[in-house]
């Protein structure tokens, strides 16, 4: 987070952001009720359960509300 950000949507915000830490929780749900049937650790996933491969954090523009991957805000922050 030592890179300047700029919002790719409103293009003016360079200072107000919300950092969203993503913590994946692997579960198996009942398709009819939505109840959690089983929770998995990242080391003990079932053969049909893919591990989460998304970003650890996302960024929200505190001016317009856009939520994107941190790299998107960094790329726009590099442009003058």
N, C-alpha and C. Protein backbone atom coordinates (compact mmCIF):
# COMPACT_ATOMS: atom_id res chain seq x y z
N UNK A 1 0.83 -1.20 0.00
CA UNK A 1 0.00 0.00 0.00
C UNK A 1 0.86 1.26 0.00
N UNK A 2 2.08 1.17 -0.48
CA UNK A 2 2.96 2.33 -0.54
C UNK A 2 2.96 2.96 -1.92
N UNK A 3 1.93 2.72 -2.69
CA UNK A 3 1.80 3.31 -4.01
C UNK A 3 0.63 4.28 -4.00
N UNK A 4 0.71 5.35 -4.79
CA UNK A 4 -0.42 6.28 -4.85
C UNK A 4 -1.62 5.63 -5.56
N UNK A 5 -2.81 5.94 -5.08
CA UNK A 5 -4.06 5.46 -5.68
C UNK A 5 -4.74 6.62 -6.41
N UNK A 6 -5.56 6.26 -7.37
CA UNK A 6 -6.50 7.21 -7.98
C UNK A 6 -7.69 6.41 -8.43
N UNK A 7 -8.89 6.90 -8.20
CA UNK A 7 -10.09 6.17 -8.57
C UNK A 7 -10.26 6.16 -10.09
N UNK A 8 -10.41 4.96 -10.69
CA UNK A 8 -10.60 4.89 -12.14
C UNK A 8 -12.00 5.30 -12.58
N UNK A 9 -12.92 5.43 -11.64
CA UNK A 9 -14.29 5.81 -11.99
C UNK A 9 -14.49 7.32 -11.94
N UNK A 10 -14.28 7.92 -10.76
CA UNK A 10 -14.50 9.37 -10.66
C UNK A 10 -13.26 10.16 -11.08
N UNK A 11 -12.09 9.52 -11.14
CA UNK A 11 -10.85 10.08 -11.66
C UNK A 11 -10.30 11.30 -10.90
N UNK A 12 -10.97 11.71 -9.83
CA UNK A 12 -10.49 12.87 -9.08
C UNK A 12 -9.99 12.49 -7.70
N UNK A 13 -10.53 11.43 -7.10
CA UNK A 13 -10.15 11.05 -5.74
C UNK A 13 -8.78 10.40 -5.74
N UNK A 14 -7.88 10.99 -4.96
CA UNK A 14 -6.53 10.44 -4.79
C UNK A 14 -6.20 10.25 -3.31
N UNK A 15 -7.18 10.51 -2.41
CA UNK A 15 -6.82 10.50 -0.99
C UNK A 15 -7.79 9.76 -0.07
N UNK A 16 -9.02 9.50 -0.47
CA UNK A 16 -9.99 8.89 0.44
C UNK A 16 -10.41 7.51 -0.07
N UNK A 17 -9.99 6.47 0.65
CA UNK A 17 -10.26 5.09 0.23
C UNK A 17 -10.56 4.21 1.44
N UNK A 18 -11.28 3.14 1.22
CA UNK A 18 -11.50 2.10 2.22
C UNK A 18 -10.77 0.85 1.74
N UNK A 19 -9.92 0.28 2.60
CA UNK A 19 -9.21 -0.96 2.29
C UNK A 19 -10.04 -2.11 2.85
N UNK A 20 -10.37 -3.07 2.00
CA UNK A 20 -11.20 -4.21 2.40
C UNK A 20 -10.33 -5.46 2.42
N UNK A 21 -10.11 -6.00 3.61
CA UNK A 21 -9.33 -7.23 3.75
C UNK A 21 -10.26 -8.41 3.50
N UNK A 22 -9.91 -9.27 2.56
CA UNK A 22 -10.75 -10.42 2.22
C UNK A 22 -10.19 -11.67 2.91
N UNK A 23 -11.03 -12.31 3.69
CA UNK A 23 -10.65 -13.54 4.38
C UNK A 23 -11.62 -14.63 3.92
N UNK A 24 -11.18 -15.49 3.01
CA UNK A 24 -12.09 -16.52 2.49
C UNK A 24 -12.40 -17.58 3.54
N UNK A 25 -13.62 -18.07 3.52
CA UNK A 25 -14.06 -19.14 4.40
C UNK A 25 -14.68 -20.22 3.51
N UNK A 26 -14.05 -21.38 3.46
CA UNK A 26 -14.51 -22.47 2.60
C UNK A 26 -15.58 -23.27 3.34
N UNK A 27 -16.77 -23.35 2.74
CA UNK A 27 -17.89 -24.04 3.36
C UNK A 27 -18.64 -24.90 2.35
N UNK A 28 -19.43 -25.82 2.86
CA UNK A 28 -20.38 -26.57 2.05
C UNK A 28 -21.76 -26.25 2.60
N UNK A 29 -22.67 -25.82 1.70
CA UNK A 29 -24.01 -25.40 2.11
C UNK A 29 -25.07 -26.38 1.65
N UNK A 30 -26.15 -26.44 2.40
CA UNK A 30 -27.33 -27.19 1.97
C UNK A 30 -28.02 -26.34 0.90
N UNK A 31 -28.23 -26.88 -0.32
CA UNK A 31 -28.80 -26.06 -1.39
C UNK A 31 -30.24 -25.62 -1.16
N UNK A 32 -31.00 -26.34 -0.35
CA UNK A 32 -32.39 -25.96 -0.10
C UNK A 32 -32.54 -24.95 1.03
N UNK A 33 -31.79 -25.15 2.12
CA UNK A 33 -31.96 -24.28 3.29
C UNK A 33 -30.92 -23.18 3.40
N UNK A 34 -29.75 -23.39 2.82
CA UNK A 34 -28.67 -22.43 2.95
C UNK A 34 -27.86 -22.61 4.23
N UNK A 35 -28.20 -23.63 5.01
CA UNK A 35 -27.44 -23.91 6.23
C UNK A 35 -26.05 -24.42 5.89
N UNK A 36 -25.08 -24.05 6.71
CA UNK A 36 -23.71 -24.52 6.52
C UNK A 36 -23.63 -25.96 7.03
N UNK A 37 -23.25 -26.88 6.15
CA UNK A 37 -23.14 -28.28 6.51
C UNK A 37 -21.73 -28.64 6.97
N UNK A 38 -20.74 -27.98 6.37
CA UNK A 38 -19.36 -28.32 6.68
C UNK A 38 -18.47 -27.11 6.42
N UNK A 39 -17.45 -26.93 7.26
CA UNK A 39 -16.43 -25.90 7.05
C UNK A 39 -15.11 -26.60 6.79
N UNK A 40 -14.34 -26.05 5.84
CA UNK A 40 -13.06 -26.64 5.47
C UNK A 40 -11.94 -25.68 5.78
N UNK A 41 -10.79 -26.22 6.19
CA UNK A 41 -9.59 -25.39 6.28
C UNK A 41 -8.95 -25.36 4.90
N UNK A 42 -8.08 -24.42 4.66
CA UNK A 42 -7.46 -24.31 3.33
C UNK A 42 -6.59 -25.52 3.01
N UNK A 43 -6.10 -26.21 4.04
CA UNK A 43 -5.28 -27.40 3.82
C UNK A 43 -6.12 -28.67 3.63
N UNK A 44 -7.39 -28.61 3.99
CA UNK A 44 -8.21 -29.81 4.02
C UNK A 44 -9.47 -29.68 3.17
N UNK A 45 -9.34 -29.15 1.97
CA UNK A 45 -10.50 -29.00 1.10
C UNK A 45 -10.89 -30.34 0.50
N UNK A 46 -12.18 -30.50 0.21
CA UNK A 46 -12.61 -31.74 -0.44
C UNK A 46 -12.14 -31.71 -1.90
N UNK A 47 -12.10 -32.86 -2.58
CA UNK A 47 -11.61 -32.91 -3.97
C UNK A 47 -12.39 -32.02 -4.94
N UNK A 48 -13.66 -31.72 -4.64
CA UNK A 48 -14.47 -30.92 -5.55
C UNK A 48 -14.55 -29.44 -5.15
N UNK A 49 -13.76 -29.05 -4.16
CA UNK A 49 -13.79 -27.67 -3.66
C UNK A 49 -12.50 -26.96 -4.04
N UNK A 50 -12.60 -26.01 -4.96
CA UNK A 50 -11.40 -25.25 -5.39
C UNK A 50 -11.04 -24.22 -4.32
N UNK A 51 -9.75 -24.01 -4.08
CA UNK A 51 -9.35 -22.97 -3.12
C UNK A 51 -9.56 -21.58 -3.71
N UNK A 52 -9.75 -20.59 -2.83
CA UNK A 52 -9.91 -19.19 -3.25
C UNK A 52 -8.60 -18.70 -3.84
N UNK A 53 -8.67 -18.07 -5.00
CA UNK A 53 -7.46 -17.57 -5.66
C UNK A 53 -7.53 -16.08 -5.95
N UNK A 54 -8.47 -15.39 -5.33
CA UNK A 54 -8.63 -13.96 -5.58
C UNK A 54 -7.67 -13.12 -4.76
N UNK A 55 -7.80 -11.80 -4.85
CA UNK A 55 -6.88 -10.90 -4.13
C UNK A 55 -7.15 -10.90 -2.63
N UNK A 56 -6.11 -10.61 -1.85
CA UNK A 56 -6.24 -10.53 -0.39
C UNK A 56 -6.95 -9.25 0.04
N UNK A 57 -6.81 -8.22 -0.77
CA UNK A 57 -7.48 -6.97 -0.41
C UNK A 57 -8.09 -6.31 -1.64
N UNK A 58 -9.15 -5.56 -1.40
CA UNK A 58 -9.79 -4.76 -2.44
C UNK A 58 -9.87 -3.34 -1.90
N UNK A 59 -10.10 -2.40 -2.79
CA UNK A 59 -10.13 -0.99 -2.40
C UNK A 59 -11.47 -0.40 -2.84
N UNK A 60 -12.04 0.41 -1.96
CA UNK A 60 -13.26 1.14 -2.29
C UNK A 60 -12.96 2.62 -2.29
N UNK A 61 -13.38 3.31 -3.34
CA UNK A 61 -13.28 4.76 -3.40
C UNK A 61 -14.28 5.33 -2.41
N UNK A 62 -13.80 6.17 -1.48
CA UNK A 62 -14.69 6.75 -0.48
C UNK A 62 -15.46 7.96 -1.02
N UNK A 63 -15.22 8.32 -2.28
CA UNK A 63 -15.97 9.42 -2.89
C UNK A 63 -17.15 8.90 -3.72
N UNK A 64 -16.91 7.88 -4.57
CA UNK A 64 -17.98 7.40 -5.45
C UNK A 64 -18.46 5.98 -5.12
N UNK A 65 -17.70 5.25 -4.29
CA UNK A 65 -18.14 3.92 -3.86
C UNK A 65 -17.65 2.76 -4.71
N UNK A 66 -16.89 3.00 -5.76
CA UNK A 66 -16.40 1.92 -6.62
C UNK A 66 -15.51 0.97 -5.83
N UNK A 67 -15.72 -0.35 -5.99
CA UNK A 67 -14.89 -1.36 -5.34
C UNK A 67 -14.18 -2.14 -6.44
N UNK A 68 -12.85 -2.17 -6.37
CA UNK A 68 -12.04 -2.87 -7.37
C UNK A 68 -10.81 -3.48 -6.70
N UNK A 69 -10.08 -4.26 -7.47
CA UNK A 69 -8.81 -4.81 -7.03
C UNK A 69 -7.83 -3.66 -6.79
N UNK A 70 -6.96 -3.81 -5.82
CA UNK A 70 -6.00 -2.75 -5.48
C UNK A 70 -5.13 -2.36 -6.69
N UNK A 71 -4.76 -3.33 -7.52
CA UNK A 71 -3.91 -3.05 -8.69
C UNK A 71 -4.54 -2.03 -9.63
N UNK A 72 -5.86 -2.06 -9.75
CA UNK A 72 -6.56 -1.10 -10.62
C UNK A 72 -6.35 0.32 -10.12
N UNK A 73 -6.49 0.54 -8.82
CA UNK A 73 -6.30 1.88 -8.25
C UNK A 73 -4.85 2.31 -8.35
N UNK A 74 -3.90 1.38 -8.19
CA UNK A 74 -2.48 1.70 -8.30
C UNK A 74 -2.13 2.10 -9.72
N UNK A 75 -2.63 1.36 -10.73
CA UNK A 75 -2.34 1.70 -12.14
C UNK A 75 -2.84 3.10 -12.47
N UNK A 76 -4.05 3.45 -12.02
CA UNK A 76 -4.58 4.79 -12.29
C UNK A 76 -3.84 5.84 -11.47
N UNK A 77 -3.30 5.46 -10.32
CA UNK A 77 -2.52 6.40 -9.51
C UNK A 77 -1.18 6.74 -10.14
N UNK A 78 -0.65 5.83 -10.96
CA UNK A 78 0.62 6.07 -11.64
C UNK A 78 0.47 7.07 -12.78
N UNK A 79 -0.72 7.19 -13.34
CA UNK A 79 -0.95 8.11 -14.45
C UNK A 79 -1.13 9.52 -13.90
N UNK A 80 -0.62 10.49 -14.62
CA UNK A 80 -0.77 11.89 -14.20
C UNK A 80 -1.87 12.52 -14.89
